[in-house]
Amino acid sequence: MNLLGGQARQLRLALQQAPDHAVGRVVAMLDGLADRSMIDEVLNSVRPRLRRLQPPRPLRLPRLLFLPLEAALVPAAGWRPGSNLVPRSAITPIAALVSGALPDLAEQVEAGTVGHSLTDHAVVAALGARLWPAASMVATPQVPRGWVAAGLPESAALPILALCAAVWRQAVPLWQARTAASAGAMEALALARAALAPLVADGAAPLSAGLTLLLRAALAPGQIATLATSLSAQIHPVAERALASMLADDAAAVAAATSPDEMAQTAGLLARRLADLEHTANALVRDQRQRHAAILRRDTGQACHARFAAALVETLLVPLARVAAGPRAEDSVVAMLEGAARDLRRLEAAGRRLGQELAFDRSLRDAVAQITRLAATPAGLNRIEFARLVEILAGPDAALALQAEPG
């Protein structure tokens, strides 16, 4: 399949308009194409959604090769020579260069990727540990084959290859640190120091790429940014820009969430990262970070409460009123209502961490009052089931108060 301009535009539009559950299937189809021309350009239009949805994507040698460099990758249209970044259009010629220089290893890695995806973390780590250090040794003064055909200037080849080689040399410890940072493991800082310290000698570009890789995954990015600044004072502005970009992506993910449960997850991650940033800020950046955090807390907290208030009515109160007025509800219906209450409670808890506590209190109080009125003349549900919904939604004290009501 050759994606010409018109076909690419159609696919781009289809991806932008597709519901979340369909995006993964379309991306899987694109990933299966042998001809990679223009595919990355099409996927660029939905990369923020891909980061949010994280659909399974097949593990192949080029994708594995550039995982440690994902923080330095940019769309070809947005890349400029001398930017210390890697255009996605360089992936294919560089991967071909590495495969050509390491044919036996490339064949073994390709075979090892069959049937696996990026979510197979143990496979990624094991194959990467073989591929990345070997790839770092593939250095040539020649421009990779297909470089100019990919629309890249010859003068950019050596700087980009040098950046790739520097990151690949530290890719194994970087990936270990990334894994630990994403899990909030106690050893994350020690691993981050071991991974980043050798990159200081390689210059700003590799250190920035490695640092941003860790920051994007970290539950405690402020600690890692502080660590990086202690290794090299020159990295401080890079760290602050990377933190601001990461927080903007997190806030966008909260706003783009399509369900209470998804919004709870994205809001919870943002709240945890904001708390870490505010706690680890030094005097130089404390005021700036606190102002930025206050704006994000206000905007995302309001978004969480708006979604909570709407979902409270749509997914719980309206269905509950309908069930309460009907015949005895089946167990599956009761389970559905309890599931909706749990999703709402998770969203409320995450939203409170961002702010808007009084608004959440008001919405919960009104919801409990409505449920209490419905429980006064139970039909489809018994009083214990009403109390259970209130307990899930507002806690045991509210449930005890309902049970104490006459009726």
Protein backbone atom coordinates (compact mmCIF):
# COMPACT_ATOMS: atom_id res chain seq x y z
CA MET A 1 0.00 0.00 0.00
CA ASN A 2 1.47 3.32 -1.05
CA LEU A 3 0.11 6.23 0.93
CA LEU A 4 -0.11 9.15 -1.44
CA GLY A 5 -0.99 12.63 -0.27
CA GLY A 6 -4.76 12.24 -0.63
CA GLN A 7 -4.78 8.87 1.13
CA ALA A 8 -2.61 10.22 3.93
CA ARG A 9 -4.97 13.15 4.46
CA GLN A 10 -7.95 10.78 4.58
CA LEU A 11 -6.23 8.54 7.13
CA ARG A 12 -5.16 11.52 9.20
CA LEU A 13 -8.73 12.82 9.27
CA ALA A 14 -10.10 9.36 10.09
CA LEU A 15 -7.68 8.98 12.99
CA GLN A 16 -8.51 12.40 14.37
CA GLN A 17 -12.25 11.67 14.28
CA ALA A 18 -12.12 8.02 15.37
CA PRO A 19 -13.40 7.12 18.85
CA ASP A 20 -10.77 5.96 21.32
CA HIS A 21 -11.68 2.29 21.00
CA ALA A 22 -11.05 2.40 17.24
CA VAL A 23 -7.73 4.24 17.26
CA GLY A 24 -5.75 1.17 18.33
CA ARG A 25 -7.11 -0.91 15.44
CA VAL A 26 -6.25 1.73 12.85
CA VAL A 27 -2.76 2.22 14.27
CA ALA A 28 -2.21 -1.55 14.30
CA MET A 29 -3.10 -1.65 10.60
CA LEU A 30 -0.65 1.15 9.86
CA ASP A 31 2.08 -0.52 11.91
CA GLY A 32 1.66 -3.64 9.80
CA LEU A 33 2.50 -1.90 6.53
CA ALA A 34 5.88 -2.58 5.00
CA ASP A 35 6.02 0.83 3.34
CA ARG A 36 6.71 3.35 6.09
CA SER A 37 6.57 6.38 3.81
CA MET A 38 4.32 9.06 5.27
CA ILE A 39 3.08 6.71 8.03
CA ASP A 40 4.82 8.69 10.76
CA GLU A 41 3.39 11.87 9.33
CA VAL A 42 -0.09 10.37 9.64
CA LEU A 43 0.55 9.18 13.19
CA ASN A 44 1.87 12.59 14.24
CA SER A 45 -1.71 13.86 14.19
CA VAL A 46 -2.72 11.46 16.98
CA ARG A 47 0.49 11.06 19.01
CA PRO A 48 -1.00 12.84 22.06
CA ARG A 49 -3.91 10.37 21.96
CA LEU A 50 -1.51 7.46 21.51
CA ARG A 51 0.41 8.54 24.61
CA ARG A 52 -2.86 8.71 26.53
CA LEU A 53 -4.41 5.48 25.21
CA GLN A 54 -1.18 3.48 24.89
CA PRO A 55 -2.59 0.88 22.47
CA PRO A 56 -0.43 -2.21 21.98
CA ARG A 57 2.06 -1.54 19.21
CA PRO A 58 4.18 -4.29 17.64
CA LEU A 59 7.80 -4.41 18.72
CA ARG A 60 10.15 -4.10 15.75
CA LEU A 61 13.86 -3.37 15.52
CA PRO A 62 13.55 0.32 14.49
CA ARG A 63 11.06 1.04 17.25
CA LEU A 64 13.18 -0.82 19.83
CA LEU A 65 16.32 0.93 18.63
CA PHE A 66 14.86 4.40 19.16
CA LEU A 67 12.99 3.82 22.43
CA PRO A 68 15.82 5.39 24.49
CA LEU A 69 15.71 8.39 22.13
CA GLU A 70 11.95 8.90 22.19
CA ALA A 71 12.33 12.18 24.10
CA ALA A 72 14.51 13.56 21.30
CA LEU A 73 12.25 12.47 18.44
CA VAL A 74 10.21 15.15 16.66
CA PRO A 75 8.05 15.17 13.53
CA ALA A 76 10.09 15.81 10.41
CA ALA A 77 8.05 18.92 9.64
CA GLY A 78 8.96 20.46 12.98
CA TRP A 79 12.67 19.61 12.93
CA ARG A 80 15.36 22.16 12.16
CA PRO A 81 19.10 21.50 11.59
CA GLY A 82 21.13 22.24 14.70
CA SER A 83 18.16 21.69 17.02
CA ASN A 84 19.83 18.79 18.87
CA LEU A 85 16.77 16.67 18.10
CA VAL A 86 16.14 13.71 15.81
CA PRO A 87 13.51 13.93 13.05
CA ARG A 88 11.37 10.82 12.77
CA SER A 89 12.30 10.62 9.10
CA ALA A 90 15.83 9.67 10.22
CA ILE A 91 14.66 6.48 11.92
CA THR A 92 14.49 4.33 8.80
CA PRO A 93 17.94 5.18 7.35
CA ILE A 94 19.65 4.95 10.75
CA ALA A 95 17.96 1.63 11.54
CA ALA A 96 19.07 0.34 8.14
CA LEU A 97 22.63 1.50 8.88
CA VAL A 98 22.68 -0.36 12.20
CA SER A 99 21.11 -3.49 10.70
CA GLY A 100 23.59 -3.48 7.85
CA ALA A 101 26.54 -3.13 10.21
CA LEU A 102 25.23 -5.79 12.62
CA PRO A 103 23.43 -8.29 10.38
CA ASP A 104 23.56 -11.29 12.72
CA LEU A 105 22.43 -9.33 15.77
CA ALA A 106 19.75 -7.53 13.76
CA GLU A 107 18.36 -10.86 12.56
CA GLN A 108 18.30 -12.25 16.10
CA VAL A 109 16.62 -9.14 17.49
CA GLU A 110 14.04 -9.09 14.70
CA ALA A 111 13.24 -12.71 15.44
CA GLY A 112 12.94 -11.93 19.13
CA THR A 113 10.43 -9.15 18.53
CA VAL A 114 7.94 -11.34 16.67
CA GLY A 115 4.63 -11.55 18.50
CA HIS A 116 5.61 -8.95 21.11
CA SER A 117 4.58 -5.35 21.71
CA LEU A 118 5.96 -2.35 23.55
CA THR A 119 3.99 -3.43 26.62
CA ASP A 120 6.12 -6.58 26.95
CA HIS A 121 8.57 -4.80 29.22
CA ALA A 122 10.82 -7.75 29.98
CA VAL A 123 11.29 -8.48 26.27
CA VAL A 124 12.00 -4.81 25.54
CA ALA A 125 14.64 -4.67 28.28
CA ALA A 126 16.29 -7.95 27.28
CA LEU A 127 16.47 -7.22 23.55
CA GLY A 128 17.43 -3.59 24.15
CA ALA A 129 20.32 -4.67 26.37
CA ARG A 130 21.72 -6.53 23.37
CA LEU A 131 20.92 -3.98 20.67
CA TRP A 132 21.60 -0.55 22.19
CA PRO A 133 25.25 -0.98 23.27
CA ALA A 134 26.10 -2.62 19.94
CA ALA A 135 24.35 0.15 17.99
CA SER A 136 26.40 2.76 19.85
CA MET A 137 29.55 1.30 18.25
CA VAL A 138 28.22 1.73 14.72
CA ALA A 139 29.89 5.00 13.74
CA THR A 140 30.67 6.04 10.19
CA PRO A 141 31.72 9.27 8.52
CA GLN A 142 29.42 8.38 5.66
CA VAL A 143 25.87 9.59 5.31
CA PRO A 144 23.45 6.68 5.84
CA ARG A 145 21.87 5.29 2.69
CA GLY A 146 18.46 6.83 2.07
CA TRP A 147 19.29 9.91 4.15
CA VAL A 148 18.88 12.51 1.44
CA ALA A 149 15.88 10.67 0.00
CA ALA A 150 14.25 11.07 3.43
CA GLY A 151 14.54 14.84 2.99
CA LEU A 152 17.46 15.28 5.39
CA PRO A 153 20.54 17.44 4.74
CA GLU A 154 23.85 15.62 4.58
CA SER A 155 25.35 18.04 7.11
CA ALA A 156 22.90 16.84 9.78
CA ALA A 157 23.89 13.17 9.57
CA LEU A 158 26.97 13.18 11.80
CA PRO A 159 25.50 15.31 14.62
CA ILE A 160 22.39 13.15 14.74
CA LEU A 161 24.42 9.92 14.67
CA ALA A 162 26.63 11.28 17.46
CA LEU A 163 23.56 12.07 19.56
CA CYS A 164 22.15 8.60 18.97
CA ALA A 165 25.44 6.90 19.79
CA ALA A 166 25.84 8.83 23.06
CA VAL A 167 22.34 7.91 24.23
CA TRP A 168 22.69 4.28 23.14
CA ARG A 169 25.90 3.97 25.18
CA GLN A 170 23.87 4.77 28.29
CA ALA A 171 20.59 3.27 27.10
CA VAL A 172 20.63 0.22 29.35
CA PRO A 173 21.05 2.17 32.61
CA LEU A 174 18.69 4.86 31.28
CA TRP A 175 16.00 2.28 30.65
CA GLN A 176 16.52 0.75 34.09
CA ALA A 177 16.21 4.22 35.64
CA ARG A 178 13.13 4.97 33.55
CA THR A 179 11.45 1.77 34.69
CA ALA A 180 12.20 2.52 38.34
CA ALA A 181 11.10 6.17 38.02
CA SER A 182 7.78 5.23 36.43
CA ALA A 183 7.07 2.88 39.35
CA GLY A 184 8.19 5.37 42.00
CA ALA A 185 10.81 2.89 43.21
CA MET A 186 13.16 3.91 46.00
CA GLU A 187 16.22 3.19 43.87
CA ALA A 188 15.06 5.48 41.04
CA LEU A 189 17.30 8.41 42.01
CA ALA A 190 20.41 6.27 42.37
CA LEU A 191 19.75 4.65 39.00
CA ALA A 192 19.08 8.05 37.42
CA ARG A 193 22.38 9.39 38.72
CA ALA A 194 24.27 6.38 37.34
CA ALA A 195 22.56 6.80 33.95
CA LEU A 196 22.84 10.59 33.59
CA ALA A 197 26.30 11.30 35.03
CA PRO A 198 28.27 9.80 32.08
CA LEU A 199 26.15 11.85 29.64
CA VAL A 200 27.46 15.14 31.06
CA ALA A 201 30.71 14.66 29.16
CA ASP A 202 28.82 14.07 25.91
CA GLY A 203 27.31 17.54 25.90
CA ALA A 204 23.91 19.15 26.31
CA ALA A 205 22.01 17.22 23.62
CA PRO A 206 22.51 13.66 24.95
CA LEU A 207 22.05 14.79 28.56
CA SER A 208 18.84 16.61 27.61
CA ALA A 209 17.54 13.55 25.75
CA GLY A 210 18.30 11.24 28.65
CA LEU A 211 16.90 13.60 31.26
CA THR A 212 13.66 14.20 29.34
CA LEU A 213 13.23 10.46 28.85
CA LEU A 214 13.28 10.00 32.63
CA LEU A 215 11.15 13.05 33.42
CA ARG A 216 8.31 11.99 31.14
CA ALA A 217 8.03 8.64 32.91
CA ALA A 218 8.76 9.71 36.48
CA LEU A 219 6.24 9.90 39.29
CA ALA A 220 8.67 12.25 41.06
CA PRO A 221 10.09 14.38 38.22
CA GLY A 222 11.15 17.23 40.50
CA GLN A 223 13.66 15.02 42.27
CA ILE A 224 15.17 13.88 38.97
CA ALA A 225 15.35 17.45 37.64
CA THR A 226 17.12 18.55 40.82
CA LEU A 227 19.54 15.65 40.47
CA ALA A 228 20.32 16.56 36.86
CA THR A 229 20.95 20.20 37.77
CA SER A 230 23.40 19.06 40.44
CA LEU A 231 25.29 17.13 37.77
CA SER A 232 25.43 20.05 35.36
CA ALA A 233 24.27 23.60 36.03
CA GLN A 234 23.86 24.11 32.28
CA ILE A 235 21.02 21.57 32.23
CA HIS A 236 18.82 23.67 34.54
CA PRO A 237 16.90 25.59 31.82
CA VAL A 238 16.49 22.37 29.84
CA ALA A 239 15.07 20.63 32.89
CA GLU A 240 12.60 23.44 33.56
CA ARG A 241 11.41 23.46 29.95
CA ALA A 242 11.03 19.68 29.99
CA LEU A 243 9.05 19.85 33.24
CA ALA A 244 6.74 22.55 31.84
CA SER A 245 6.17 20.54 28.66
CA MET A 246 5.44 17.38 30.64
CA LEU A 247 2.93 19.16 32.86
CA ALA A 248 1.21 20.68 29.83
CA ASP A 249 0.87 17.19 28.34
CA ASP A 250 -0.51 15.88 31.65
CA ALA A 251 -3.07 18.69 31.84
CA ALA A 252 -4.11 18.04 28.23
CA ALA A 253 -4.57 14.36 29.05
CA VAL A 254 -6.88 15.26 31.94
CA ALA A 255 -8.96 17.50 29.68
CA ALA A 256 -9.11 14.88 26.92
CA ALA A 257 -10.17 11.97 29.18
CA THR A 258 -13.31 10.28 27.92
CA SER A 259 -14.54 8.64 31.13
CA PRO A 260 -14.51 9.34 34.89
CA ASP A 261 -12.09 6.46 35.46
CA GLU A 262 -9.64 7.72 32.81
CA MET A 263 -9.86 11.26 34.14
CA ALA A 264 -9.19 9.96 37.66
CA GLN A 265 -6.03 8.23 36.46
CA THR A 266 -4.69 11.21 34.53
CA ALA A 267 -5.63 13.72 37.25
CA GLY A 268 -4.07 11.52 39.93
CA LEU A 269 -0.78 11.39 38.02
CA LEU A 270 -0.77 15.16 37.52
CA ALA A 271 -1.52 15.77 41.20
CA ARG A 272 1.30 13.50 42.30
CA ARG A 273 3.77 15.16 39.95
CA LEU A 274 2.71 18.66 41.00
CA ALA A 275 3.14 17.79 44.66
CA ASP A 276 6.65 16.49 43.97
CA LEU A 277 7.59 19.55 41.94
CA GLU A 278 6.35 21.93 44.63
CA HIS A 279 8.17 19.98 47.33
CA THR A 280 11.51 19.78 45.51
CA ALA A 281 11.60 23.31 44.06
CA ASN A 282 14.67 25.30 45.06
CA ALA A 283 14.60 29.02 45.80
CA LEU A 284 15.57 29.88 42.23
CA VAL A 285 12.44 28.40 40.70
CA ARG A 286 10.05 28.03 43.65
CA ASP A 287 7.87 31.05 42.88
CA GLN A 288 7.69 30.27 39.16
CA ARG A 289 6.78 26.63 39.77
CA GLN A 290 4.21 27.50 42.40
CA ARG A 291 2.49 30.00 40.10
CA HIS A 292 2.45 27.47 37.29
CA ALA A 293 1.21 24.73 39.61
CA ALA A 294 -1.56 26.99 40.95
CA ILE A 295 -2.85 27.64 37.43
CA LEU A 296 -2.77 23.95 36.55
CA ARG A 297 -4.48 22.99 39.80
CA ARG A 298 -7.23 25.54 39.23
CA ASP A 299 -7.89 24.61 35.60
CA THR A 300 -7.66 20.84 35.92
CA GLY A 301 -9.47 20.83 39.26
CA GLN A 302 -12.37 22.69 37.67
CA ALA A 303 -12.35 20.27 34.74
CA CYS A 304 -12.45 17.30 37.14
CA HIS A 305 -15.35 18.73 39.09
CA ALA A 306 -17.30 19.56 35.92
CA ARG A 307 -16.86 15.99 34.69
CA PHE A 308 -17.70 14.63 38.14
CA ALA A 309 -20.91 16.67 38.39
CA ALA A 310 -22.04 15.64 34.91
CA ALA A 311 -21.14 11.96 35.34
CA LEU A 312 -22.79 11.91 38.77
CA VAL A 313 -26.11 12.69 37.11
CA GLU A 314 -25.62 10.69 33.91
CA THR A 315 -24.08 7.50 35.25
CA LEU A 316 -25.57 7.26 38.74
CA LEU A 317 -28.48 9.50 39.76
CA VAL A 318 -30.58 9.19 36.60
CA PRO A 319 -30.11 5.40 36.25
CA LEU A 320 -30.67 5.01 40.01
CA ALA A 321 -33.96 6.91 39.88
CA ARG A 322 -35.11 4.73 37.00
CA VAL A 323 -34.12 1.53 38.80
CA ALA A 324 -35.65 2.67 42.10
CA ALA A 325 -39.03 3.26 40.46
CA GLY A 326 -39.15 -0.13 38.75
CA PRO A 327 -39.39 -3.78 39.78
CA ARG A 328 -36.74 -5.52 41.83
CA ALA A 329 -33.36 -4.88 40.14
CA GLU A 330 -31.18 -7.75 39.03
CA ASP A 331 -27.77 -8.25 40.62
CA SER A 332 -26.04 -7.10 37.41
CA VAL A 333 -27.85 -3.76 37.59
CA VAL A 334 -26.83 -3.26 41.22
CA ALA A 335 -23.24 -4.10 40.27
CA MET A 336 -23.38 -1.57 37.43
CA LEU A 337 -24.54 1.18 39.79
CA GLU A 338 -21.84 0.32 42.33
CA GLY A 339 -19.23 0.38 39.57
CA ALA A 340 -20.37 3.85 38.52
CA ALA A 341 -20.15 5.00 42.14
CA ARG A 342 -16.59 3.65 42.44
CA ASP A 343 -15.50 5.45 39.26
CA LEU A 344 -16.99 8.66 40.59
CA ARG A 345 -15.27 8.23 43.96
CA ARG A 346 -11.91 7.76 42.26
CA LEU A 347 -12.46 10.89 40.19
CA GLU A 348 -13.53 12.86 43.25
CA ALA A 349 -10.44 11.74 45.19
CA ALA A 350 -8.11 12.70 42.33
CA GLY A 351 -9.91 16.00 41.75
CA ARG A 352 -9.64 16.94 45.42
CA ARG A 353 -5.87 16.59 45.21
CA LEU A 354 -5.94 19.31 42.55
CA GLY A 355 -8.36 21.60 44.41
CA GLN A 356 -12.07 22.49 44.28
CA GLU A 357 -12.77 20.77 47.62
CA LEU A 358 -15.82 22.93 48.38
CA ALA A 359 -17.34 22.21 44.97
CA PHE A 360 -16.91 18.46 45.45
CA ASP A 361 -18.39 18.70 48.96
CA ARG A 362 -21.43 20.51 47.59
CA SER A 363 -21.99 18.01 44.77
CA LEU A 364 -21.64 15.03 47.12
CA ARG A 365 -23.99 16.55 49.65
CA ASP A 366 -26.64 17.14 46.98
CA ALA A 367 -26.16 13.62 45.59
CA VAL A 368 -26.53 11.97 49.00
CA ALA A 369 -29.70 14.00 49.61
CA GLN A 370 -31.18 12.78 46.32
CA ILE A 371 -30.27 9.17 47.06
CA THR A 372 -31.76 9.51 50.55
CA ARG A 373 -35.05 10.70 49.07
CA LEU A 374 -35.11 7.75 46.67
CA ALA A 375 -34.38 5.37 49.56
CA ALA A 376 -37.40 6.64 51.48
CA THR A 377 -39.71 4.62 49.21
CA PRO A 378 -37.49 1.74 48.02
CA ALA A 379 -38.77 -0.48 45.23
CA GLY A 380 -36.12 -1.59 42.76
CA LEU A 381 -33.45 -1.58 45.48
CA ASN A 382 -33.60 -2.26 49.18
CA ARG A 383 -32.40 0.19 51.80
CA ILE A 384 -29.12 -1.65 52.36
CA GLU A 385 -28.29 -1.35 48.66
CA PHE A 386 -29.00 2.39 48.75
CA ALA A 387 -26.75 2.67 51.79
CA ARG A 388 -24.02 0.73 50.01
CA LEU A 389 -24.08 3.19 47.10
CA VAL A 390 -23.83 6.11 49.51
CA GLU A 391 -20.95 4.41 51.34
CA ILE A 392 -19.01 3.95 48.11
CA LEU A 393 -19.72 7.50 47.00
CA ALA A 394 -19.43 9.48 50.24
CA GLY A 395 -18.05 7.22 52.96
CA PRO A 396 -19.38 5.11 55.86
CA ASP A 397 -20.61 8.04 57.95
CA ALA A 398 -22.97 9.15 55.20
CA ALA A 399 -24.18 5.57 54.79
CA LEU A 400 -24.89 5.24 58.52
CA ALA A 401 -26.85 8.49 58.42
CA LEU A 402 -29.00 7.15 55.61
CA GLN A 403 -29.66 3.90 57.45
CA ALA A 404 -30.69 5.89 60.50
CA GLU A 405 -33.29 7.80 58.49
CA PRO A 406 -36.86 6.62 59.15
CA GLY A 407 -38.34 4.61 56.37
